[in-house]
Amino acid sequence: MSVIIALAALALLMLAAYRGYSVILFAPIAALGAVLLTDPSAVAPAFTGVFMEKMVGFIKLYFPVFLLGAVFGKLIELSGFSRSIVAAAIGLLGTRQAMLVIVLVCALLTYGGVSLFVVVFAVYPFAAEMFRQSNIPKRLIPATIALGAFSFTMDALPGTPQIQNIIPSTFFNTTAWAAPWLGVIGTIFVFCAGMLFLQRQRNKAQRAGEGYGSDLRNEPETAADLKLPNPWLALSPLLAVGIMNLLFTHWIPQVYGKTHSLALPGMATPVTTEIAKLTAIWAVQAALLVGILMVLVFGFQAIRSKLAEGSKSAVSGALLAAMNTASEYGFGAVIASLPGFLVLADWLKNIPNPLVNEAITVTLLAGITGSASGGMSIALAAMSEQFISAAHAANIPLEVLHRVAAMASGGMDTLPHNGAVITLLAVTGLTHREAYKDIFCITLIKTLAVFVVIGTFYATGIV
């Protein structure tokens, strides 16, 4: 019964998200409904001590990233930089390659270490402009961005700095470059299958006479008569964000050390900060500030008349996206604390094959919690020792466990209640009904890729 309660809460939230209801409202309703059916006396403590604690903790850490990412994306849009890059890309590659260009831009940014959420804000103006000029349905933008940002560069491509590729290293004593050949094979599979699917959907829409669409929401606001800047100049802030993110990631620990103690005259006690836990967040914030300043300097003439209204719009979008994702994070924390979740986790331990066991466990927990990093952290914290023992017995390198765990976390994590999916749809001005079906097909491709990698390892022994 406890398992049914946990799954029912998940189903309710997924249904609410798909039908267009606010996740900010329904995440606590679904989570606390499950607590009510499990232990009525625990509802208030669970709301304050678990849901709100995790939700506020998420906002504390990540709201500045959402805010700066939204401002950066809005300035890219208002300055005409997005239109300049799109015009250059279409001139170079033609309108038939619009989807490929967006996937590659997303992949470049995420592999450079830019947060997935920031990529959504930064790339959407380019995608909307390119899809409009190529007459591709706008509803395909979320799936295109998802393929580039939420898949192979997030967890499969060796060396990616995304958190989904870092977490396994702490459990298996591996590095971000673990199982490079398997990672490359998984990357090729996801990229090729994803591009074939997107092209198929585009062709299908064209045969039906469907174009970009009309009466759409959250459309970019670049003036039609704006003089476009040089595309290399327009591209420079995006490149700067990726490069400076890497540099700040290297510089911050050198400047602050492992810990930093803040003691200002008006403080009763010093505040001690563990730098390693915040390096990635500080680095991307600093990199975004550099990018914002570059856009302001290079495109101020085009931006200044719309800067006030544009900044308000960016702040509103950042608040909505951050609150949606934070509510989802709180929901996952509550569900993970329920007995039904623990029963499900224990049941998964009975799958005999260590790689299949790990893949199914991680992707199911990521799907239930709506978080790749959250589901993987829960799974590996509970079962990594079991995975390691089974792998040693079967002569499976721990590097393979790392790659399978990372790729599995990015499988079913993008269900309708996933925070990144909700943010992606909110930024693009689309609903689950309009665009989620195509995102889900990318999700299935990501999930299948894990088992392709497992099969490749058993067939060839390649690592």
Foldseek 3Di string as FASTA:
>chain_A
DLLVLLVVLLVQLLVCQQVPHFLLPSLLVSLLVSVCVFPVVCSVVLVVVFLVVQLVVLCVQCLLLLLLLLLLLLLLLLLQLLVQQLVVCCVVPNLLCLLVVLLQLQQVQQQLQADLLSSLSNSLQNSLNSQQVSFFALLCVLQSSCLNHLFLLQFQAAPGPHVLLVVLCVLLVDDSRFQRVLSVLLNVLLVVVSVVLSSVVRVVCVVVVHTHDPPFPLHRDYDPPDDHDNNVLSCVLSVQLSVQLVVQLVVVCVVAPQKHWADDPPDPGTDIDGCVVRSNSVSNSVSSVVSSVSSCVVRVVSCVVCVVVSSVVSSVLSVSLSSLQSSLQSSLRSSCPGVSVVVVLVVLLPPQQLLVSLLVQLLVQLLSSLHLSVSLVVNCVVCVVVSVVSCVVVVHRVSLVSSLSSLSSSANSPRSSRSSSSSSCSNSRHGSNSHVVSNVVSSNSSSVSSVVSVVVCVVPVRD
